């Protein structure tokens, strides 16, 4: 494999305790995006939400708790779960080790979403909730109440 095509450490996007490393962004006629997601134990995660994309989460390491609509599963390596467009979902890691998953969105949400959220969440002051909501909406994500991935 051409090593110049592999992401470098500088390509890791930090959103609080979460790490996102984009492997493929939409472009050149392809609408899908694919990224690696690392979720440390008991880390802060996004609120339950829905979005305008379809999503597949495939666990590579650890155990990731995923709730899609009203179904909650603890996914282990080799297991996956699909979220159709517009369906509420959320994730967490209440387990002892970091979970690592491959996430595929079609169409792609885009790395810019995570960069913008990271800039808000990683700031030295508490994040502005109105700006977080505006950023979510800008990229097609809608927070959903009454769904918890715990």
Protein backbone atom coordinates (compact mmCIF):
# COMPACT_ATOMS: atom_id res chain seq x y z
CA UNK A 1 0.00 0.00 0.00
CA UNK A 2 1.23 3.48 -0.79
CA UNK A 3 2.21 4.94 2.59
CA UNK A 4 1.55 8.49 1.34
CA UNK A 5 -2.16 7.61 1.27
CA UNK A 6 -2.23 6.62 4.93
CA UNK A 7 -3.36 9.24 7.45
CA UNK A 8 -0.67 10.70 9.69
CA UNK A 9 -0.87 11.38 13.41
CA UNK A 10 -1.60 15.04 12.60
CA UNK A 11 -4.79 13.86 10.88
CA UNK A 12 -6.31 12.81 14.22
CA UNK A 13 -9.16 15.12 15.19
CA UNK A 14 -9.77 15.43 18.92
CA UNK A 15 -13.31 16.15 20.08
CA UNK A 16 -13.02 16.12 23.83
CA UNK A 17 -11.81 12.63 24.72
CA UNK A 18 -12.86 11.16 21.37
CA UNK A 19 -10.42 10.68 18.50
CA UNK A 20 -11.53 10.72 14.88
CA UNK A 21 -9.17 9.83 12.04
CA UNK A 22 -10.66 10.21 8.59
CA UNK A 23 -9.64 7.44 6.21
CA UNK A 24 -11.73 8.67 3.28
CA UNK A 25 -13.74 11.84 2.71
CA UNK A 26 -16.36 12.21 0.01
CA UNK A 27 -15.08 13.54 -3.28
CA UNK A 28 -14.20 12.61 -6.85
CA UNK A 29 -17.69 11.22 -7.43
CA UNK A 30 -17.84 9.25 -4.16
CA UNK A 31 -20.36 10.38 -1.55
CA UNK A 32 -19.30 8.05 1.30
CA UNK A 33 -17.01 8.95 4.16
CA UNK A 34 -15.11 6.58 6.43
CA UNK A 35 -13.32 7.27 9.69
CA UNK A 36 -11.82 5.49 12.65
CA UNK A 37 -13.40 6.42 15.98
CA UNK A 38 -11.68 5.88 19.35
CA UNK A 39 -13.87 6.10 22.45
CA UNK A 40 -12.07 5.86 25.80
CA UNK A 41 -13.94 4.37 28.78
CA UNK A 42 -16.57 6.68 30.30
CA UNK A 43 -15.74 9.50 27.88
CA UNK A 44 -18.14 12.31 27.09
CA UNK A 45 -19.97 11.49 23.87
CA UNK A 46 -22.31 13.46 21.63
CA UNK A 47 -25.94 13.64 22.67
CA UNK A 48 -28.30 11.16 21.01
CA UNK A 49 -29.03 12.50 17.55
CA UNK A 50 -30.27 11.73 14.07
CA UNK A 51 -28.78 12.82 10.78
CA UNK A 52 -29.39 12.92 7.06
CA UNK A 53 -26.87 10.16 6.41
CA UNK A 54 -26.93 6.39 6.67
CA UNK A 55 -24.29 5.04 9.02
CA UNK A 56 -22.57 1.73 9.67
CA UNK A 57 -20.51 1.24 12.84
CA UNK A 58 -18.15 -1.76 12.80
CA UNK A 59 -16.22 -2.42 16.03
CA UNK A 60 -12.52 -3.20 15.68
CA UNK A 61 -11.41 -3.28 19.36
CA UNK A 62 -13.04 -3.10 22.77
CA UNK A 63 -16.79 -2.90 23.29
CA UNK A 64 -18.94 0.00 22.10
CA UNK A 65 -22.49 0.48 23.34
CA UNK A 66 -24.71 1.65 20.49
CA UNK A 67 -28.38 2.53 20.66
CA UNK A 68 -30.31 2.77 17.39
CA UNK A 69 -33.91 3.87 17.85
CA UNK A 70 -34.86 1.83 20.93
CA UNK A 71 -32.43 -1.08 20.46
CA UNK A 72 -29.24 -1.04 22.57
CA UNK A 73 -26.39 -3.46 21.95
CA UNK A 74 -22.86 -3.84 23.26
CA UNK A 75 -20.89 -4.38 20.06
CA UNK A 76 -17.66 -6.34 20.24
CA UNK A 77 -14.93 -6.72 17.59
CA UNK A 78 -16.40 -7.97 14.33
CA UNK A 79 -19.92 -6.81 15.15
CA UNK A 80 -21.74 -3.94 13.48
CA UNK A 81 -24.95 -1.97 13.59
CA UNK A 82 -26.61 0.14 10.91
CA UNK A 83 -28.45 3.44 11.42
CA UNK A 84 -30.85 4.47 8.64
CA UNK A 85 -31.27 8.16 7.77
CA UNK A 86 -33.27 10.12 10.30
CA UNK A 87 -33.26 7.40 12.98
CA UNK A 88 -32.24 8.48 16.49
CA UNK A 89 -29.04 6.92 17.78
CA UNK A 90 -26.20 7.38 20.24
CA UNK A 91 -23.15 5.61 21.59
CA UNK A 92 -21.10 5.29 24.76
CA UNK A 93 -18.31 3.25 26.28
CA UNK A 94 -19.15 2.22 29.85
CA UNK A 95 -16.57 -0.57 29.62
CA UNK A 96 -12.99 -0.83 30.94
CA UNK A 97 -11.03 -0.47 27.69
CA UNK A 98 -10.97 1.97 24.78
CA UNK A 99 -13.29 1.03 21.95
CA UNK A 100 -12.18 1.50 18.36
CA UNK A 101 -14.65 1.40 15.48
CA UNK A 102 -14.81 1.99 11.77
CA UNK A 103 -17.67 4.36 10.88
CA UNK A 104 -19.01 4.75 7.34
CA UNK A 105 -21.48 7.49 6.43
CA UNK A 106 -23.32 7.93 3.14
CA UNK A 107 -23.37 10.68 2.25
CA UNK A 108 -20.33 11.76 4.25
CA UNK A 109 -20.78 14.12 7.21
CA UNK A 110 -17.22 15.35 6.58
CA UNK A 111 -14.15 15.90 8.70
CA UNK A 112 -14.98 19.62 8.93
CA UNK A 113 -17.90 18.78 11.22
CA UNK A 114 -15.55 17.12 13.70
CA UNK A 115 -12.96 19.89 13.37
CA UNK A 116 -15.58 22.56 14.13
CA UNK A 117 -17.04 20.60 17.05
CA UNK A 118 -13.52 19.94 18.36
CA UNK A 119 -12.70 23.66 18.26
CA UNK A 120 -15.81 24.38 20.35
CA UNK A 121 -15.47 21.49 22.79
CA UNK A 122 -11.69 21.67 23.26
CA UNK A 123 -11.66 25.41 24.00
CA UNK A 124 -10.40 26.55 27.40
CA UNK A 125 -13.89 27.75 28.36
CA UNK A 126 -17.09 25.68 28.59
CA UNK A 127 -18.59 25.21 25.11
CA UNK A 128 -21.38 27.52 24.00
CA UNK A 129 -24.44 25.25 23.72
CA UNK A 130 -26.04 27.45 21.04
CA UNK A 131 -22.90 27.19 18.88
CA UNK A 132 -22.76 23.41 19.37
CA UNK A 133 -26.38 23.11 18.25
CA UNK A 134 -25.83 25.44 15.28
CA UNK A 135 -22.82 23.39 14.17
CA UNK A 136 -24.76 20.13 14.45
CA UNK A 137 -27.62 21.56 12.39
CA UNK A 138 -25.22 23.01 9.81
CA UNK A 139 -23.93 19.50 9.08
CA UNK A 140 -27.33 17.77 9.10
CA UNK A 141 -27.35 16.43 12.68
CA UNK A 142 -30.30 16.94 15.01
CA UNK A 143 -30.08 16.26 18.76
CA UNK A 144 -32.79 13.91 20.00
CA UNK A 145 -34.18 13.77 23.51
CA UNK A 146 -35.42 10.60 25.21
CA UNK A 147 -32.77 8.27 23.77
CA UNK A 148 -29.79 7.35 25.86
CA UNK A 149 -26.85 5.15 24.93
CA UNK A 150 -25.76 4.27 28.45
